[in-house]
């Protein structure tokens, strides 16, 4: 579910709607920490990466929401973390239909390392007595953080003293091989392929329609009118 109230038209067209809809083609599991472990979070808690495409290009990060191999982790509480992933590229756990998956202490450390990397300035944790363990996380994984200068490009503007800043999405890195999320044996995608090109095209057409006709119809009504959806347009 997503509430679009108060979101500007530009953000809806360029980011909110496309990202939300591309997420529909990802599998999701809820990772649970064992009793002696917990997840941390941060002021920038959404960690994105692409195991499948690591090393495929010296500059590209391949963390677009529509790309094959995309992964997203979001801690929801000290005990639960949502994990979205491309099921055509990865296997997570031993049973695909099992939505709730208790992971090992080693896996929890990997998930927490991603928060250390994605955080802007602060990490948050539920128990003040855990401060020492959080400091250990920072010492262990802080070197994996990417300086903002590595993902920021500056271009001259049209006027004097004007600059255009282009900031790429910051990808996190796995500190070790992650047995929990394994690549499938037969993957037909190549690095940079769209996960579902037809669906991405429908999203582009929807975004253009929203820009041209901002009022009135909802998302599913528009998709139906554009010929990309045949299901119900309302939920009971």
Protein backbone atom coordinates (compact mmCIF):
# COMPACT_ATOMS: atom_id res chain seq x y z
CA UNK A 1 0.00 0.00 0.00
CA UNK A 2 1.15 3.54 -0.70
CA UNK A 3 -0.36 6.90 0.13
CA UNK A 4 0.28 9.50 -2.59
CA UNK A 5 -1.33 12.37 -0.68
CA UNK A 6 0.72 15.55 -0.67
CA UNK A 7 3.24 14.29 -3.26
CA UNK A 8 4.12 16.78 -6.00
CA UNK A 9 3.33 15.93 -9.61
CA UNK A 10 7.00 15.86 -10.60
CA UNK A 11 7.88 13.33 -7.92
CA UNK A 12 4.89 11.16 -8.83
CA UNK A 13 5.89 11.10 -12.51
CA UNK A 14 9.64 10.70 -12.08
CA UNK A 15 9.93 8.62 -8.92
CA UNK A 16 7.08 7.58 -6.66
CA UNK A 17 4.73 5.86 -9.13
CA UNK A 18 7.45 4.16 -11.24
CA UNK A 19 9.32 2.81 -8.20
CA UNK A 20 6.13 1.61 -6.53
CA UNK A 21 4.98 -0.18 -9.67
CA UNK A 22 8.38 -1.73 -10.46
CA UNK A 23 8.34 -3.19 -6.94
CA UNK A 24 5.29 -5.25 -7.92
CA UNK A 25 7.50 -7.58 -9.97
CA UNK A 26 9.79 -8.37 -7.03
CA UNK A 27 9.44 -11.20 -4.54
CA UNK A 28 9.38 -10.26 -0.85
CA UNK A 29 10.35 -12.16 2.27
CA UNK A 30 10.36 -11.03 5.87
CA UNK A 31 13.68 -11.84 7.51
CA UNK A 32 13.52 -12.42 11.26
CA UNK A 33 16.49 -12.20 13.60
CA UNK A 34 17.16 -14.96 16.15
CA UNK A 35 16.45 -14.07 19.78
CA UNK A 36 20.01 -13.01 20.59
CA UNK A 37 20.31 -10.70 17.56
CA UNK A 38 18.55 -7.61 16.21
CA UNK A 39 18.50 -5.29 13.24
CA UNK A 40 19.66 -1.68 13.33
CA UNK A 41 18.22 1.05 11.16
CA UNK A 42 19.23 4.57 10.14
CA UNK A 43 18.04 7.92 8.88
CA UNK A 44 18.36 6.46 5.37
CA UNK A 45 17.11 2.91 5.99
CA UNK A 46 16.44 1.70 2.42
CA UNK A 47 19.52 -0.25 1.30
CA UNK A 48 19.71 -1.09 -2.42
CA UNK A 49 22.15 -3.34 -4.27
CA UNK A 50 22.49 -5.74 -7.16
CA UNK A 51 24.51 -8.87 -6.40
CA UNK A 52 23.92 -10.17 -9.92
CA UNK A 53 25.66 -7.25 -11.64
CA UNK A 54 28.64 -6.71 -9.33
CA UNK A 55 31.76 -6.18 -11.43
CA UNK A 56 29.84 -5.97 -14.73
CA UNK A 57 30.81 -2.33 -15.37
CA UNK A 58 33.46 -0.04 -13.86
CA UNK A 59 31.03 2.86 -13.31
CA UNK A 60 27.43 1.62 -13.48
CA UNK A 61 25.86 0.36 -10.25
CA UNK A 62 22.76 -1.32 -11.77
CA UNK A 63 20.51 -0.36 -8.84
CA UNK A 64 17.59 0.96 -10.87
CA UNK A 65 14.27 -0.39 -9.57
CA UNK A 66 13.44 -1.94 -12.96
CA UNK A 67 16.71 -3.79 -13.56
CA UNK A 68 17.25 -7.53 -13.33
CA UNK A 69 18.97 -8.60 -10.12
CA UNK A 70 17.74 -5.58 -8.12
CA UNK A 71 17.54 -6.05 -4.32
CA UNK A 72 16.15 -3.84 -1.55
CA UNK A 73 16.31 -4.31 2.22
CA UNK A 74 14.32 -2.29 4.75
CA UNK A 75 14.41 -2.99 8.52
CA UNK A 76 10.87 -2.76 9.92
CA UNK A 77 11.68 -3.44 13.58
CA UNK A 78 14.58 -4.82 15.65
CA UNK A 79 13.36 -8.34 14.81
CA UNK A 80 12.02 -8.02 11.23
CA UNK A 81 13.53 -6.83 7.95
CA UNK A 82 11.73 -6.75 4.58
CA UNK A 83 13.77 -8.14 1.69
CA UNK A 84 12.64 -7.49 -1.90
CA UNK A 85 14.49 -9.35 -4.65
CA UNK A 86 14.33 -10.58 -8.24
CA UNK A 87 13.08 -14.18 -7.95
CA UNK A 88 14.14 -14.94 -11.52
CA UNK A 89 17.75 -14.31 -10.53
CA UNK A 90 17.98 -15.34 -6.85
CA UNK A 91 16.90 -18.04 -4.45
CA UNK A 92 16.31 -16.92 -0.87
CA UNK A 93 15.98 -19.65 1.73
CA UNK A 94 14.91 -23.18 0.84
CA UNK A 95 11.18 -22.65 0.31
CA UNK A 96 9.99 -20.00 -2.12
CA UNK A 97 6.46 -19.79 -0.74
CA UNK A 98 7.63 -19.34 2.82
CA UNK A 99 7.28 -15.62 3.48
CA UNK A 100 8.76 -15.52 6.99
CA UNK A 101 12.35 -16.66 7.26
CA UNK A 102 14.49 -16.76 10.40
CA UNK A 103 18.08 -16.06 9.45
CA UNK A 104 21.39 -16.79 11.15
CA UNK A 105 23.47 -14.43 13.28
CA UNK A 106 25.92 -14.15 10.38
CA UNK A 107 23.11 -13.07 8.05
CA UNK A 108 21.93 -10.47 10.57
CA UNK A 109 25.46 -9.04 10.64
CA UNK A 110 25.39 -8.76 6.84
CA UNK A 111 22.02 -6.96 6.87
CA UNK A 112 23.31 -4.60 9.58
CA UNK A 113 26.45 -3.92 7.56
CA UNK A 114 24.21 -2.59 4.78
CA UNK A 115 22.65 -0.11 7.21
CA UNK A 116 26.10 1.10 8.24
CA UNK A 117 26.79 1.80 4.57
CA UNK A 118 23.46 3.40 3.65
CA UNK A 119 23.13 5.63 6.73
CA UNK A 120 23.56 9.37 6.23
CA UNK A 121 24.73 10.34 9.71
CA UNK A 122 23.00 8.20 12.35
CA UNK A 123 22.30 4.58 13.23
CA UNK A 124 19.32 3.77 15.45
CA UNK A 125 18.89 0.78 17.76
CA UNK A 126 16.29 -0.25 20.32
CA UNK A 127 18.34 -0.92 23.47
CA UNK A 128 20.83 1.60 24.98
CA UNK A 129 22.84 -1.32 26.35
CA UNK A 130 23.59 -2.37 22.76
CA UNK A 131 25.65 0.75 22.05
CA UNK A 132 28.95 -1.14 22.27
CA UNK A 133 27.80 -3.71 19.70
CA UNK A 134 26.71 -0.92 17.35
CA UNK A 135 30.12 0.70 17.69
CA UNK A 136 31.64 -2.65 16.75
CA UNK A 137 29.44 -2.72 13.63
CA UNK A 138 30.74 0.71 12.64
CA UNK A 139 34.35 -0.33 13.18
CA UNK A 140 33.83 -3.55 11.19
CA UNK A 141 31.93 -2.15 8.21
CA UNK A 142 32.50 1.60 8.19
CA UNK A 143 35.26 1.23 5.60
CA UNK A 144 32.63 0.05 3.08
CA UNK A 145 30.85 3.40 3.11
CA UNK A 146 30.97 5.25 -0.21
CA UNK A 147 31.98 8.94 -0.05
CA UNK A 148 29.34 11.17 -1.59
CA UNK A 149 32.01 12.49 -4.00
CA UNK A 150 32.11 9.03 -5.61
CA UNK A 151 28.47 9.26 -6.67
CA UNK A 152 28.23 13.02 -7.27
CA UNK A 153 28.95 14.62 -10.63
CA UNK A 154 29.09 18.37 -11.22
CA UNK A 155 28.39 20.00 -14.61
CA UNK A 156 28.51 23.66 -15.64
CA UNK A 157 25.16 25.40 -15.80
CA UNK A 158 23.74 27.73 -18.41
CA UNK A 159 24.69 30.83 -16.45
CA UNK A 160 27.85 32.01 -14.74
CA UNK A 161 28.29 30.57 -11.22
CA UNK A 162 25.57 28.00 -11.95
CA UNK A 163 26.22 24.28 -11.53
CA UNK A 164 24.18 21.16 -12.18
CA UNK A 165 24.58 18.40 -9.60
CA UNK A 166 23.88 14.79 -10.57
CA UNK A 167 23.79 12.34 -7.67
CA UNK A 168 23.53 8.63 -8.48
CA UNK A 169 21.73 6.17 -6.22
CA UNK A 170 24.20 4.84 -3.69
CA UNK A 171 24.61 1.07 -3.78
CA UNK A 172 25.70 -0.87 -0.72
CA UNK A 173 28.17 -3.76 -0.91
CA UNK A 174 28.06 -7.20 0.63
CA UNK A 175 31.03 -7.64 2.96
CA UNK A 176 31.15 -11.40 2.27
CA UNK A 177 29.43 -13.94 0.03
CA UNK A 178 25.81 -14.20 1.15
CA UNK A 179 24.61 -17.83 1.26
CA UNK A 180 21.10 -16.70 2.18
CA UNK A 181 20.57 -15.13 -1.26
CA UNK A 182 22.02 -17.36 -3.96
CA UNK A 183 22.09 -16.83 -7.70
CA UNK A 184 20.02 -19.30 -9.69
CA UNK A 185 21.86 -21.71 -11.96
CA UNK A 186 20.09 -20.73 -15.17
CA UNK A 187 19.69 -16.98 -15.52
CA UNK A 188 18.84 -15.66 -18.98
CA UNK A 189 19.30 -11.99 -18.09
CA UNK A 190 22.42 -9.95 -18.75
CA UNK A 191 23.65 -7.06 -16.64
CA UNK A 192 21.52 -4.01 -17.40
CA UNK A 193 18.50 -5.92 -18.74
CA UNK A 194 15.05 -4.81 -17.63
CA UNK A 195 13.34 -7.29 -15.32
CA UNK A 196 10.06 -6.97 -17.23
CA UNK A 197 10.40 -4.66 -20.27
CA UNK A 198 6.67 -4.73 -21.10
CA UNK A 199 5.73 -3.70 -17.56
CA UNK A 200 8.36 -0.94 -17.56
CA UNK A 201 6.92 0.39 -20.83
CA UNK A 202 3.42 0.43 -19.30
CA UNK A 203 4.78 2.40 -16.35
CA UNK A 204 6.39 4.96 -18.67
CA UNK A 205 3.10 5.41 -20.52
CA UNK A 206 1.24 5.79 -17.22
CA UNK A 207 3.73 8.39 -15.98
CA UNK A 208 3.30 10.40 -19.19
CA UNK A 209 -0.49 10.19 -18.86
CA UNK A 210 -0.31 11.43 -15.26
CA UNK A 211 1.82 14.36 -16.40
CA UNK A 212 -0.57 15.30 -19.23
CA UNK A 213 -3.80 14.61 -17.29
CA UNK A 214 -3.02 15.12 -13.57
CA UNK A 215 -6.60 15.04 -12.28
CA UNK A 216 -9.38 12.50 -12.25
CA UNK A 217 -8.65 8.82 -12.72
CA UNK A 218 -6.71 6.55 -10.40
CA UNK A 219 -3.74 4.39 -11.38
CA UNK A 220 -5.66 1.27 -12.36
CA UNK A 221 -8.33 3.20 -14.27
CA UNK A 222 -5.59 4.84 -16.31
CA UNK A 223 -3.82 1.53 -16.99
CA UNK A 224 -7.11 0.05 -18.16
CA UNK A 225 -7.79 2.97 -20.50
CA UNK A 226 -4.24 2.73 -21.89
CA UNK A 227 -4.71 -0.97 -22.57
CA UNK A 228 -2.28 -2.37 -20.00
CA UNK A 229 -4.71 -3.73 -17.41
CA UNK A 230 -7.86 -5.87 -17.58
CA UNK A 231 -8.62 -6.46 -13.90
CA UNK A 232 -10.93 -4.60 -11.48
CA UNK A 233 -10.31 -0.91 -10.95
CA UNK A 234 -11.67 -0.76 -7.37
CA UNK A 235 -11.11 -2.80 -4.23
CA UNK A 236 -13.83 -3.72 -1.76
